[in-house]
N, C-alpha and C. Protein backbone atom coordinates (compact mmCIF):
# COMPACT_ATOMS: atom_id res chain seq x y z
N MET A 1 7.56 16.62 -15.83
CA MET A 1 8.09 15.52 -15.01
C MET A 1 9.22 16.01 -14.16
N GLU A 2 9.24 15.67 -12.93
CA GLU A 2 10.48 15.93 -12.15
C GLU A 2 11.22 14.62 -11.87
N ILE A 3 12.49 14.70 -12.02
CA ILE A 3 13.45 13.57 -11.75
C ILE A 3 13.57 13.41 -10.26
N GLU A 4 13.05 12.37 -9.67
CA GLU A 4 13.31 12.13 -8.27
C GLU A 4 14.30 11.09 -7.89
N SER A 5 14.61 10.28 -8.96
CA SER A 5 15.61 9.30 -8.86
C SER A 5 16.03 8.82 -10.19
N ALA A 6 17.36 8.52 -10.18
CA ALA A 6 17.99 7.95 -11.42
C ALA A 6 19.18 7.13 -11.04
N LYS A 7 19.03 5.71 -11.44
CA LYS A 7 20.22 4.99 -10.94
C LYS A 7 20.54 3.91 -12.02
N PHE A 8 21.78 3.61 -12.03
CA PHE A 8 22.35 2.75 -13.06
C PHE A 8 21.88 1.27 -12.66
N ILE A 9 21.54 0.49 -13.69
CA ILE A 9 21.02 -0.84 -13.43
C ILE A 9 21.92 -1.88 -14.11
N ILE A 10 22.22 -1.80 -15.31
CA ILE A 10 23.02 -2.84 -15.95
C ILE A 10 23.73 -2.43 -17.32
N SER A 11 24.86 -2.70 -17.52
CA SER A 11 25.62 -2.73 -18.83
C SER A 11 25.75 -4.11 -19.38
N ASN A 12 25.40 -4.26 -20.75
CA ASN A 12 25.65 -5.69 -21.30
C ASN A 12 25.42 -5.46 -22.73
N SER A 13 25.97 -6.67 -23.44
CA SER A 13 25.90 -6.55 -25.01
C SER A 13 24.89 -7.60 -25.46
N GLU A 14 24.33 -8.37 -24.55
CA GLU A 14 23.52 -9.52 -25.02
C GLU A 14 21.98 -9.19 -24.61
N PHE A 15 21.10 -9.24 -25.71
CA PHE A 15 19.72 -8.92 -25.66
C PHE A 15 19.03 -9.60 -24.53
N GLU A 16 19.26 -11.01 -24.34
CA GLU A 16 18.69 -11.78 -23.44
C GLU A 16 18.90 -11.46 -21.88
N ASN A 17 19.96 -10.52 -21.62
CA ASN A 17 20.28 -10.07 -20.38
C ASN A 17 19.68 -8.76 -19.94
N LEU A 18 18.99 -8.19 -20.92
CA LEU A 18 18.40 -6.85 -20.72
C LEU A 18 17.38 -7.05 -19.54
N PRO A 19 17.01 -5.83 -18.92
CA PRO A 19 15.98 -5.98 -17.91
C PRO A 19 14.53 -6.43 -18.54
N ALA A 20 13.75 -6.97 -17.76
CA ALA A 20 12.45 -7.31 -18.19
C ALA A 20 11.74 -6.23 -18.78
N PRO A 21 11.00 -6.31 -20.04
CA PRO A 21 10.48 -5.10 -20.86
C PRO A 21 9.12 -4.75 -20.11
N SER A 22 9.06 -4.57 -18.84
CA SER A 22 7.77 -4.28 -18.14
C SER A 22 7.60 -2.76 -17.87
N LEU A 23 8.61 -1.95 -18.32
CA LEU A 23 8.58 -0.50 -18.01
C LEU A 23 8.74 0.22 -19.53
N PRO A 24 8.25 1.23 -19.81
CA PRO A 24 8.56 2.14 -20.97
C PRO A 24 10.14 2.44 -20.96
N GLU A 25 10.55 2.53 -22.27
CA GLU A 25 11.99 2.65 -22.35
C GLU A 25 12.38 3.65 -23.53
N TYR A 26 13.51 4.39 -23.40
CA TYR A 26 13.91 5.39 -24.29
C TYR A 26 15.28 5.35 -24.51
N ALA A 27 15.70 5.15 -25.69
CA ALA A 27 17.14 5.07 -25.94
C ALA A 27 17.80 6.36 -26.55
N PHE A 28 18.92 6.64 -26.25
CA PHE A 28 19.77 7.87 -26.73
C PHE A 28 20.94 7.30 -27.53
N ILE A 29 20.98 7.76 -28.79
CA ILE A 29 22.18 7.34 -29.60
C ILE A 29 22.55 8.68 -30.46
N GLY A 30 23.81 8.61 -31.01
CA GLY A 30 24.28 9.70 -31.97
C GLY A 30 25.79 9.36 -32.33
N ARG A 31 26.27 10.00 -33.14
CA ARG A 31 27.54 9.90 -33.53
C ARG A 31 28.52 10.25 -32.36
N SER A 32 29.68 9.62 -32.44
CA SER A 32 30.63 9.64 -31.23
C SER A 32 30.96 11.12 -31.00
N ASN A 33 30.97 11.62 -29.62
CA ASN A 33 31.33 12.92 -29.32
C ASN A 33 30.28 13.86 -29.58
N VAL A 34 29.12 13.56 -29.75
CA VAL A 34 27.99 14.39 -30.05
C VAL A 34 27.40 15.05 -28.67
N GLY A 35 27.88 14.59 -27.57
CA GLY A 35 27.50 15.17 -26.32
C GLY A 35 26.37 14.28 -25.49
N LYS A 36 26.36 12.91 -25.87
CA LYS A 36 25.20 12.08 -25.39
C LYS A 36 25.32 12.02 -23.83
N SER A 37 26.51 11.79 -23.35
CA SER A 37 26.51 11.53 -21.92
C SER A 37 26.32 12.68 -21.03
N SER A 38 26.73 13.82 -21.53
CA SER A 38 26.47 15.17 -20.87
C SER A 38 25.00 15.53 -20.90
N LEU A 39 24.41 15.12 -21.93
CA LEU A 39 22.92 15.46 -22.08
C LEU A 39 22.11 14.57 -21.15
N ILE A 40 22.51 13.23 -21.08
CA ILE A 40 21.83 12.43 -20.10
C ILE A 40 22.02 12.79 -18.68
N ASN A 41 23.29 13.33 -18.45
CA ASN A 41 23.43 13.80 -16.99
C ASN A 41 22.67 15.09 -16.69
N MET A 42 22.44 15.87 -17.71
CA MET A 42 21.70 17.11 -17.58
C MET A 42 20.27 16.85 -17.38
N ILE A 43 19.74 15.81 -18.22
CA ILE A 43 18.43 15.49 -18.04
C ILE A 43 17.89 14.86 -16.72
N THR A 44 18.84 14.02 -16.30
CA THR A 44 18.60 13.44 -14.98
C THR A 44 19.18 14.18 -13.85
N LYS A 45 19.69 15.26 -13.93
CA LYS A 45 20.26 16.17 -12.92
C LYS A 45 21.19 15.49 -12.10
N GLN A 46 21.98 14.56 -12.73
CA GLN A 46 23.06 13.90 -11.97
C GLN A 46 24.39 14.05 -12.91
N LYS A 47 25.38 14.59 -12.28
CA LYS A 47 26.73 14.96 -12.95
C LYS A 47 27.50 13.74 -13.50
N LYS A 48 27.31 12.68 -12.80
CA LYS A 48 28.11 11.46 -13.12
C LYS A 48 27.34 10.32 -13.46
N LEU A 49 26.10 10.38 -13.84
CA LEU A 49 25.33 9.16 -14.02
C LEU A 49 25.82 8.47 -15.33
N ALA A 50 25.89 9.15 -16.50
CA ALA A 50 26.51 8.62 -17.62
C ALA A 50 27.97 9.06 -17.68
N LYS A 51 28.89 8.32 -17.97
CA LYS A 51 30.38 8.67 -17.94
C LYS A 51 30.76 9.46 -19.14
N THR A 52 31.23 10.68 -18.81
CA THR A 52 31.73 11.49 -19.92
C THR A 52 33.10 11.26 -20.18
N SER A 53 33.57 11.60 -21.42
CA SER A 53 34.96 11.42 -21.70
C SER A 53 35.28 12.41 -22.88
N SER A 54 36.54 12.86 -23.00
CA SER A 54 37.00 13.62 -24.25
C SER A 54 37.36 12.64 -25.27
N THR A 55 37.25 11.31 -25.06
CA THR A 55 37.73 10.33 -25.98
C THR A 55 36.52 9.82 -26.56
N PRO A 56 36.19 9.99 -27.89
CA PRO A 56 35.06 9.41 -28.53
C PRO A 56 34.95 7.86 -28.36
N GLY A 57 33.73 7.34 -28.34
CA GLY A 57 33.75 5.90 -28.30
C GLY A 57 33.77 5.37 -27.03
N LYS A 58 33.48 6.21 -25.92
CA LYS A 58 33.55 5.72 -24.54
C LYS A 58 32.54 4.66 -24.16
N THR A 59 31.25 4.99 -24.74
CA THR A 59 30.21 3.99 -24.31
C THR A 59 30.25 2.78 -25.47
N GLN A 60 30.34 1.58 -25.01
CA GLN A 60 30.49 0.58 -25.81
C GLN A 60 29.57 -0.61 -25.57
N LEU A 61 28.69 -0.53 -24.52
CA LEU A 61 27.71 -1.46 -24.05
C LEU A 61 26.21 -0.81 -24.04
N ILE A 62 25.27 -1.49 -24.03
CA ILE A 62 23.94 -0.91 -23.81
C ILE A 62 23.76 -0.77 -22.19
N ASN A 63 23.64 0.56 -21.91
CA ASN A 63 23.54 0.87 -20.47
C ASN A 63 22.16 1.31 -20.11
N HIS A 64 21.58 0.62 -19.20
CA HIS A 64 20.25 0.81 -18.67
C HIS A 64 20.26 1.71 -17.35
N PHE A 65 19.54 2.86 -17.34
CA PHE A 65 19.20 3.53 -16.16
C PHE A 65 17.75 3.67 -15.81
N LEU A 66 17.34 3.35 -14.50
CA LEU A 66 16.17 3.28 -14.13
C LEU A 66 15.67 4.67 -13.41
N ILE A 67 14.71 5.34 -14.11
CA ILE A 67 14.35 6.77 -13.82
C ILE A 67 13.03 6.78 -13.04
N ASN A 68 12.93 7.50 -11.85
CA ASN A 68 11.81 7.44 -11.05
C ASN A 68 11.17 6.20 -10.81
N ASP A 69 11.99 5.05 -11.01
CA ASP A 69 11.42 3.71 -10.76
C ASP A 69 10.24 3.39 -11.70
N ASN A 70 10.09 4.21 -12.73
CA ASN A 70 8.96 3.77 -13.70
C ASN A 70 9.29 3.87 -15.11
N TRP A 71 10.51 4.18 -15.51
CA TRP A 71 10.87 4.11 -16.87
C TRP A 71 12.35 3.99 -17.13
N TYR A 72 12.80 3.41 -18.06
CA TYR A 72 14.29 3.28 -18.45
C TYR A 72 14.86 4.28 -19.50
N LEU A 73 15.89 4.83 -19.19
CA LEU A 73 16.67 5.57 -20.00
C LEU A 73 17.93 4.68 -20.49
N VAL A 74 18.19 4.56 -21.64
CA VAL A 74 19.24 3.66 -22.15
C VAL A 74 20.30 4.44 -23.02
N ASP A 75 21.45 4.30 -22.65
CA ASP A 75 22.55 4.88 -23.21
C ASP A 75 23.19 3.91 -24.23
N LEU A 76 23.11 4.12 -25.59
CA LEU A 76 23.69 3.27 -26.58
C LEU A 76 24.98 3.78 -27.07
N PRO A 77 25.82 2.85 -27.54
CA PRO A 77 27.17 3.18 -28.23
C PRO A 77 27.13 4.08 -29.29
N GLY A 78 27.87 5.21 -29.42
CA GLY A 78 27.84 6.11 -30.54
C GLY A 78 28.13 5.37 -31.89
N TYR A 79 27.67 5.86 -32.99
CA TYR A 79 27.96 5.35 -34.26
C TYR A 79 29.01 6.01 -35.01
N GLY A 80 29.85 5.34 -35.83
CA GLY A 80 30.81 6.08 -36.70
C GLY A 80 32.23 6.35 -36.12
N TYR A 81 32.40 5.83 -34.96
CA TYR A 81 33.79 6.11 -34.42
C TYR A 81 34.93 5.28 -35.19
N ALA A 82 35.67 6.15 -35.94
CA ALA A 82 36.54 5.60 -36.99
C ALA A 82 37.85 4.74 -36.32
N LYS A 83 38.19 5.13 -35.09
CA LYS A 83 39.25 4.49 -34.55
C LYS A 83 39.21 3.07 -33.89
N SER A 84 37.84 2.69 -33.80
CA SER A 84 37.60 1.38 -33.41
C SER A 84 37.71 0.54 -34.54
N SER A 85 38.05 -0.84 -34.25
CA SER A 85 38.29 -1.81 -35.38
C SER A 85 37.14 -2.00 -36.12
N LYS A 86 37.16 -2.44 -37.45
CA LYS A 86 36.07 -2.90 -38.23
C LYS A 86 35.42 -4.12 -37.56
N LYS A 87 36.04 -4.88 -36.97
CA LYS A 87 35.28 -6.10 -36.13
C LYS A 87 34.41 -5.54 -35.09
N GLU A 88 35.07 -4.49 -34.36
CA GLU A 88 34.33 -3.89 -33.24
C GLU A 88 33.08 -3.26 -33.67
N ARG A 89 33.23 -2.29 -34.78
CA ARG A 89 32.16 -1.65 -35.32
C ARG A 89 31.05 -2.65 -35.81
N LYS A 90 31.41 -3.74 -36.41
CA LYS A 90 30.42 -4.61 -36.87
C LYS A 90 29.65 -5.29 -35.74
N GLU A 91 30.30 -5.59 -34.56
CA GLU A 91 29.84 -6.22 -33.39
C GLU A 91 28.83 -5.14 -32.68
N TRP A 92 29.29 -3.86 -32.60
CA TRP A 92 28.39 -2.88 -32.03
C TRP A 92 27.18 -2.71 -32.86
N LYS A 93 27.23 -2.64 -34.27
CA LYS A 93 26.08 -2.45 -35.08
C LYS A 93 25.20 -3.76 -34.91
N ARG A 94 25.75 -4.92 -34.87
CA ARG A 94 24.79 -6.08 -34.59
C ARG A 94 23.93 -5.86 -33.41
N MET A 95 24.81 -5.49 -32.20
CA MET A 95 24.18 -5.42 -30.88
C MET A 95 22.99 -4.27 -30.86
N ILE A 96 23.41 -3.23 -31.42
CA ILE A 96 22.46 -2.02 -31.61
C ILE A 96 21.09 -2.29 -32.31
N ASP A 97 21.45 -2.92 -33.53
CA ASP A 97 20.30 -3.19 -34.52
C ASP A 97 19.32 -4.12 -33.75
N ASN A 98 19.91 -5.21 -33.06
CA ASN A 98 19.13 -6.21 -32.48
C ASN A 98 18.26 -5.60 -31.42
N TYR A 99 18.94 -4.62 -30.61
CA TYR A 99 18.19 -3.92 -29.53
C TYR A 99 17.12 -3.08 -30.05
N LEU A 100 17.33 -2.42 -31.01
CA LEU A 100 16.40 -1.37 -31.60
C LEU A 100 15.18 -2.07 -32.26
N ILE A 101 15.50 -3.16 -32.95
CA ILE A 101 14.51 -3.92 -33.65
C ILE A 101 13.54 -4.74 -32.62
N SER A 102 14.24 -5.31 -31.67
CA SER A 102 13.55 -6.40 -30.87
C SER A 102 13.02 -6.00 -29.48
N ARG A 103 13.41 -4.87 -29.07
CA ARG A 103 13.15 -4.33 -27.78
C ARG A 103 11.66 -3.89 -27.79
N GLU A 104 10.74 -4.65 -27.28
CA GLU A 104 9.27 -4.37 -27.44
C GLU A 104 8.81 -3.24 -26.58
N ASN A 105 9.29 -2.84 -25.64
CA ASN A 105 9.03 -1.76 -24.65
C ASN A 105 9.80 -0.38 -25.04
N LEU A 106 10.52 -0.46 -26.10
CA LEU A 106 11.32 0.80 -26.59
C LEU A 106 10.15 1.57 -27.22
N LEU A 107 9.96 2.77 -26.63
CA LEU A 107 8.88 3.68 -27.15
C LEU A 107 9.49 4.72 -28.17
N CYS A 108 10.63 5.09 -28.04
CA CYS A 108 11.36 6.20 -28.89
C CYS A 108 12.72 6.13 -28.65
N THR A 109 13.52 6.35 -29.80
CA THR A 109 14.92 6.53 -29.71
C THR A 109 15.31 7.95 -30.08
N PHE A 110 15.98 8.59 -29.15
CA PHE A 110 16.40 10.01 -29.42
C PHE A 110 17.90 9.94 -30.11
N ILE A 111 17.70 10.54 -31.50
CA ILE A 111 18.95 10.57 -32.30
C ILE A 111 19.63 11.88 -32.03
N LEU A 112 20.79 11.98 -31.47
CA LEU A 112 21.47 13.21 -31.06
C LEU A 112 22.29 13.75 -32.32
N LEU A 113 22.13 15.00 -32.61
CA LEU A 113 22.82 15.75 -33.70
C LEU A 113 23.29 17.00 -33.15
N ASP A 114 24.71 17.10 -33.61
CA ASP A 114 25.40 18.44 -33.21
C ASP A 114 24.71 19.63 -33.98
N SER A 115 24.22 20.57 -33.44
CA SER A 115 23.50 21.66 -33.95
C SER A 115 24.51 22.65 -34.72
N ARG A 116 25.83 22.42 -34.51
CA ARG A 116 26.83 23.31 -35.23
C ARG A 116 27.08 22.72 -36.60
N HIS A 117 26.69 21.50 -36.90
CA HIS A 117 27.14 20.93 -38.15
C HIS A 117 26.01 20.45 -39.00
N THR A 118 26.26 20.30 -40.35
CA THR A 118 25.16 19.78 -41.15
C THR A 118 25.08 18.24 -40.87
N PHE A 119 24.09 17.51 -41.44
CA PHE A 119 24.02 16.17 -41.41
C PHE A 119 25.17 15.41 -42.05
N GLN A 120 25.70 14.47 -41.46
CA GLN A 120 26.73 13.70 -41.96
C GLN A 120 26.00 12.51 -42.60
N LYS A 121 26.66 11.72 -43.55
CA LYS A 121 26.09 10.59 -44.32
C LYS A 121 25.66 9.49 -43.24
N LEU A 122 26.33 9.36 -42.21
CA LEU A 122 25.95 8.35 -41.18
C LEU A 122 24.65 8.74 -40.49
N ASP A 123 24.46 9.99 -40.30
CA ASP A 123 23.30 10.42 -39.63
C ASP A 123 22.15 10.12 -40.52
N LEU A 124 22.13 10.43 -41.70
CA LEU A 124 21.12 10.16 -42.70
C LEU A 124 20.83 8.58 -42.87
N GLU A 125 21.96 7.89 -42.96
CA GLU A 125 21.76 6.53 -43.09
C GLU A 125 21.06 5.90 -41.91
N PHE A 126 21.44 6.24 -40.74
CA PHE A 126 20.74 5.73 -39.50
C PHE A 126 19.32 6.17 -39.33
N MET A 127 18.93 7.34 -39.68
CA MET A 127 17.58 7.75 -39.68
C MET A 127 16.77 6.99 -40.69
N THR A 128 17.28 6.82 -41.98
CA THR A 128 16.65 6.12 -42.95
C THR A 128 16.40 4.67 -42.57
N TRP A 129 17.30 4.13 -41.93
CA TRP A 129 17.29 2.66 -41.47
C TRP A 129 16.16 2.63 -40.32
N MET A 130 16.21 3.58 -39.53
CA MET A 130 15.03 3.63 -38.42
C MET A 130 13.65 3.74 -39.25
N ALA A 131 13.52 4.51 -40.17
CA ALA A 131 12.31 4.72 -40.82
C ALA A 131 11.84 3.65 -41.56
N THR A 132 12.78 2.88 -42.19
CA THR A 132 12.42 1.76 -43.11
C THR A 132 12.08 0.47 -42.19
N LYS A 133 12.48 0.46 -40.85
CA LYS A 133 12.05 -0.52 -39.96
C LYS A 133 10.89 -0.15 -39.13
N GLY A 134 10.46 1.18 -39.34
CA GLY A 134 9.13 1.59 -38.71
C GLY A 134 9.47 1.77 -37.20
N LEU A 135 10.70 2.25 -36.86
CA LEU A 135 10.98 2.47 -35.48
C LEU A 135 10.82 3.95 -35.16
N PRO A 136 10.02 4.41 -34.22
CA PRO A 136 9.87 5.81 -33.87
C PRO A 136 11.13 6.48 -33.35
N PHE A 137 11.34 7.65 -33.67
CA PHE A 137 12.46 8.32 -33.29
C PHE A 137 12.26 9.88 -33.13
N ALA A 138 12.99 10.54 -32.48
CA ALA A 138 12.95 11.90 -32.26
C ALA A 138 14.40 12.52 -32.46
N LEU A 139 14.53 13.82 -32.79
CA LEU A 139 15.86 14.28 -32.99
C LEU A 139 16.15 15.32 -31.83
N VAL A 140 17.42 15.36 -31.44
CA VAL A 140 17.84 16.16 -30.35
C VAL A 140 19.08 17.00 -30.73
N PHE A 141 18.91 18.25 -31.10
CA PHE A 141 20.11 19.15 -31.53
C PHE A 141 20.86 19.46 -30.31
N THR A 142 22.17 19.08 -30.09
CA THR A 142 22.93 19.29 -28.91
C THR A 142 23.88 20.45 -29.27
N LYS A 143 24.45 20.97 -27.98
CA LYS A 143 25.55 22.01 -28.16
C LYS A 143 25.05 23.27 -28.66
N SER A 144 23.75 23.64 -28.48
CA SER A 144 23.24 24.89 -29.17
C SER A 144 23.99 26.07 -28.48
N ASP A 145 24.57 26.09 -27.31
CA ASP A 145 25.15 27.30 -26.74
C ASP A 145 26.45 27.63 -27.39
N LYS A 146 26.91 26.68 -28.26
CA LYS A 146 28.13 26.98 -28.84
C LYS A 146 28.14 27.93 -30.06
N LEU A 147 26.85 28.29 -30.52
CA LEU A 147 26.62 29.16 -31.58
C LEU A 147 25.94 30.38 -31.15
N GLY A 148 26.14 31.53 -31.94
CA GLY A 148 25.35 32.66 -31.81
C GLY A 148 23.87 32.43 -32.22
N GLN A 149 22.99 33.24 -31.75
CA GLN A 149 21.57 32.85 -31.98
C GLN A 149 21.28 32.92 -33.59
N HIS A 150 21.90 33.79 -34.35
CA HIS A 150 21.55 33.85 -35.76
C HIS A 150 22.18 32.74 -36.47
N LYS A 151 23.50 32.31 -36.15
CA LYS A 151 24.04 31.23 -36.79
C LYS A 151 23.17 29.91 -36.41
N LEU A 152 22.75 29.79 -35.13
CA LEU A 152 22.05 28.58 -34.84
C LEU A 152 20.71 28.50 -35.49
N ALA A 153 19.97 29.67 -35.50
CA ALA A 153 18.74 29.56 -36.32
C ALA A 153 18.94 29.20 -37.78
N LEU A 154 19.95 29.66 -38.35
CA LEU A 154 20.31 29.39 -39.78
C LEU A 154 20.54 27.90 -39.92
N ASN A 155 21.49 27.39 -39.04
CA ASN A 155 21.77 26.07 -39.01
C ASN A 155 20.71 25.16 -38.84
N LEU A 156 19.76 25.33 -37.97
CA LEU A 156 18.57 24.67 -37.67
C LEU A 156 17.57 24.65 -38.91
N LYS A 157 17.48 25.81 -39.53
CA LYS A 157 16.58 25.94 -40.72
C LYS A 157 17.09 25.08 -41.86
N HIS A 158 18.50 25.07 -42.07
CA HIS A 158 19.00 24.30 -43.19
C HIS A 158 18.78 22.73 -42.70
N LEU A 159 19.06 22.32 -41.41
CA LEU A 159 18.85 20.94 -41.12
C LEU A 159 17.49 20.58 -41.24
N LYS A 160 16.41 21.26 -40.92
CA LYS A 160 15.18 20.95 -41.15
C LYS A 160 14.72 20.82 -42.56
N ILE A 161 15.15 21.74 -43.46
CA ILE A 161 14.88 21.73 -44.87
C ILE A 161 15.52 20.29 -45.35
N GLU A 162 16.64 19.97 -44.93
CA GLU A 162 17.18 18.65 -45.42
C GLU A 162 16.41 17.51 -45.04
N ILE A 163 15.88 17.59 -43.85
CA ILE A 163 15.00 16.47 -43.23
C ILE A 163 13.76 16.38 -44.20
N LEU A 164 13.19 17.39 -44.61
CA LEU A 164 12.10 17.45 -45.40
C LEU A 164 12.24 16.95 -46.72
N GLU A 165 13.59 16.90 -47.20
CA GLU A 165 13.91 16.40 -48.49
C GLU A 165 13.86 14.82 -48.52
N HIS A 166 13.76 14.21 -47.31
CA HIS A 166 13.69 12.81 -47.12
C HIS A 166 12.39 12.30 -46.55
N TRP A 167 11.74 13.06 -45.79
CA TRP A 167 10.48 12.72 -45.00
C TRP A 167 9.42 13.77 -45.32
N GLU A 168 8.25 13.28 -45.16
CA GLU A 168 7.04 14.23 -45.48
C GLU A 168 6.91 15.24 -44.44
N GLU A 169 7.27 14.89 -43.11
CA GLU A 169 7.16 15.83 -41.97
C GLU A 169 8.22 15.68 -41.06
N LEU A 170 8.46 16.65 -40.30
CA LEU A 170 9.59 16.66 -39.28
C LEU A 170 9.18 15.71 -38.24
N PRO A 171 10.27 14.80 -37.70
CA PRO A 171 10.05 14.16 -36.58
C PRO A 171 9.87 15.03 -35.33
N PRO A 172 9.61 14.50 -34.14
CA PRO A 172 9.76 15.39 -33.03
C PRO A 172 11.15 15.79 -32.90
N ASN A 173 11.46 17.11 -32.52
CA ASN A 173 12.69 17.58 -32.28
C ASN A 173 12.85 18.48 -31.16
N PHE A 174 14.12 18.55 -30.57
CA PHE A 174 14.38 19.23 -29.40
C PHE A 174 15.69 19.90 -29.53
N LEU A 175 15.80 21.16 -29.06
CA LEU A 175 16.95 22.02 -29.01
C LEU A 175 17.55 21.97 -27.61
N THR A 176 18.80 21.53 -27.35
CA THR A 176 19.33 21.47 -26.05
C THR A 176 20.73 22.03 -25.94
N SER A 177 21.00 22.25 -24.67
CA SER A 177 22.46 22.58 -24.29
C SER A 177 22.68 21.99 -22.89
N ALA A 178 23.57 20.97 -22.87
CA ALA A 178 23.89 20.42 -21.63
C ALA A 178 24.66 21.41 -20.75
N GLU A 179 25.44 22.30 -21.28
CA GLU A 179 26.21 23.27 -20.60
C GLU A 179 25.22 24.32 -19.84
N LYS A 180 24.31 24.68 -20.54
CA LYS A 180 23.36 25.83 -20.12
C LYS A 180 22.01 25.24 -19.44
N GLY A 181 21.81 23.84 -19.65
CA GLY A 181 20.76 23.24 -19.05
C GLY A 181 19.40 23.46 -19.49
N PHE A 182 19.29 23.72 -20.84
CA PHE A 182 17.97 23.70 -21.36
C PHE A 182 17.73 22.63 -22.39
N GLY A 183 16.41 22.40 -22.53
CA GLY A 183 16.06 21.27 -23.35
C GLY A 183 15.33 20.24 -22.54
N ALA A 184 15.82 20.04 -21.42
CA ALA A 184 15.49 18.87 -20.59
C ALA A 184 13.98 18.74 -20.35
N VAL A 185 13.44 19.91 -20.01
CA VAL A 185 11.87 20.05 -19.70
C VAL A 185 11.17 19.49 -20.89
N GLU A 186 11.49 19.90 -22.00
CA GLU A 186 10.78 19.64 -23.21
C GLU A 186 10.85 18.08 -23.47
N ILE A 187 12.04 17.55 -23.33
CA ILE A 187 12.22 16.09 -23.57
C ILE A 187 11.58 15.23 -22.51
N LEU A 188 11.64 15.62 -21.20
CA LEU A 188 10.88 15.00 -20.21
C LEU A 188 9.38 14.98 -20.38
N ASN A 189 8.74 16.17 -20.94
CA ASN A 189 7.39 16.26 -20.98
C ASN A 189 6.93 15.23 -22.18
N PHE A 190 7.75 15.22 -23.15
CA PHE A 190 7.55 14.22 -24.40
C PHE A 190 7.48 12.74 -23.79
N ILE A 191 8.50 12.43 -22.81
CA ILE A 191 8.63 11.11 -22.33
C ILE A 191 7.29 10.85 -21.44
N GLU A 192 6.90 11.85 -20.63
CA GLU A 192 5.93 11.75 -19.66
C GLU A 192 4.58 11.47 -20.42
N ASN A 193 4.36 12.08 -21.59
CA ASN A 193 3.17 11.83 -22.34
C ASN A 193 3.10 10.50 -23.02
N ALA A 194 4.36 10.05 -23.41
CA ALA A 194 4.37 8.71 -24.05
C ALA A 194 4.17 7.64 -23.06
N ASN A 195 4.72 7.92 -21.89
CA ASN A 195 4.59 6.83 -20.82
C ASN A 195 3.10 6.55 -20.40
N GLU A 196 2.22 7.62 -20.64
CA GLU A 196 0.82 7.30 -20.29
C GLU A 196 0.15 6.40 -21.42
N LEU A 197 0.83 6.07 -22.49
CA LEU A 197 0.30 5.21 -23.53
C LEU A 197 0.93 3.81 -23.45
N PHE A 198 1.79 3.68 -22.50
CA PHE A 198 2.59 2.39 -22.42
C PHE A 198 1.67 1.33 -21.85
N GLU A 199 1.55 0.22 -22.67
CA GLU A 199 0.87 -1.01 -21.93
C GLU A 199 1.79 -2.25 -22.01
N VAL A 200 1.75 -2.92 -20.92
CA VAL A 200 2.58 -4.15 -20.88
C VAL A 200 1.93 -5.35 -21.78
N ASN A 201 2.69 -5.94 -22.57
CA ASN A 201 2.11 -7.05 -23.25
C ASN A 201 1.96 -8.27 -22.44
N PRO A 202 0.85 -8.95 -22.54
CA PRO A 202 0.65 -10.11 -21.56
C PRO A 202 1.59 -11.31 -21.93
């Protein structure tokens, strides 16, 4: 799939204000500072589509971007940002949970994981929650350029072994580097194939 256009549509926190569910949709989520905005910009070939920041927790709303006028990319707030208040974290969780459970045209959620580190408790809790709700997800390992090839391979091996301790098979997974620009083709091919299966509910 070639990205011909990518444009911001809306940011909001209320489910009823989301765009009509007439197009296939894909959400991106991960722990704060996992490189989500940089990855979205890399995938869409736009340097400033998603706002990047050195401050974790920059994304605080559900952000919709229309890609090629035929599918939505959704930037969700990161989970686990400790410096936000307990009330804010509870509200973000309510907003995200409601979106993930109720959004009928959401075909897959891409869960971003830093390839340099092992799973944190929050990662496993979120993946388990997704699985118990029957919500499809794929894993995106970010910042793979930050490690040497041997260390990267070792980390990925351990991460996948840990996944198989909880699930019978690996979910779809992608290795990416926003800085080096790889991984976008594989993710976009996955989305293109899923788009072909999308049907609008009457």
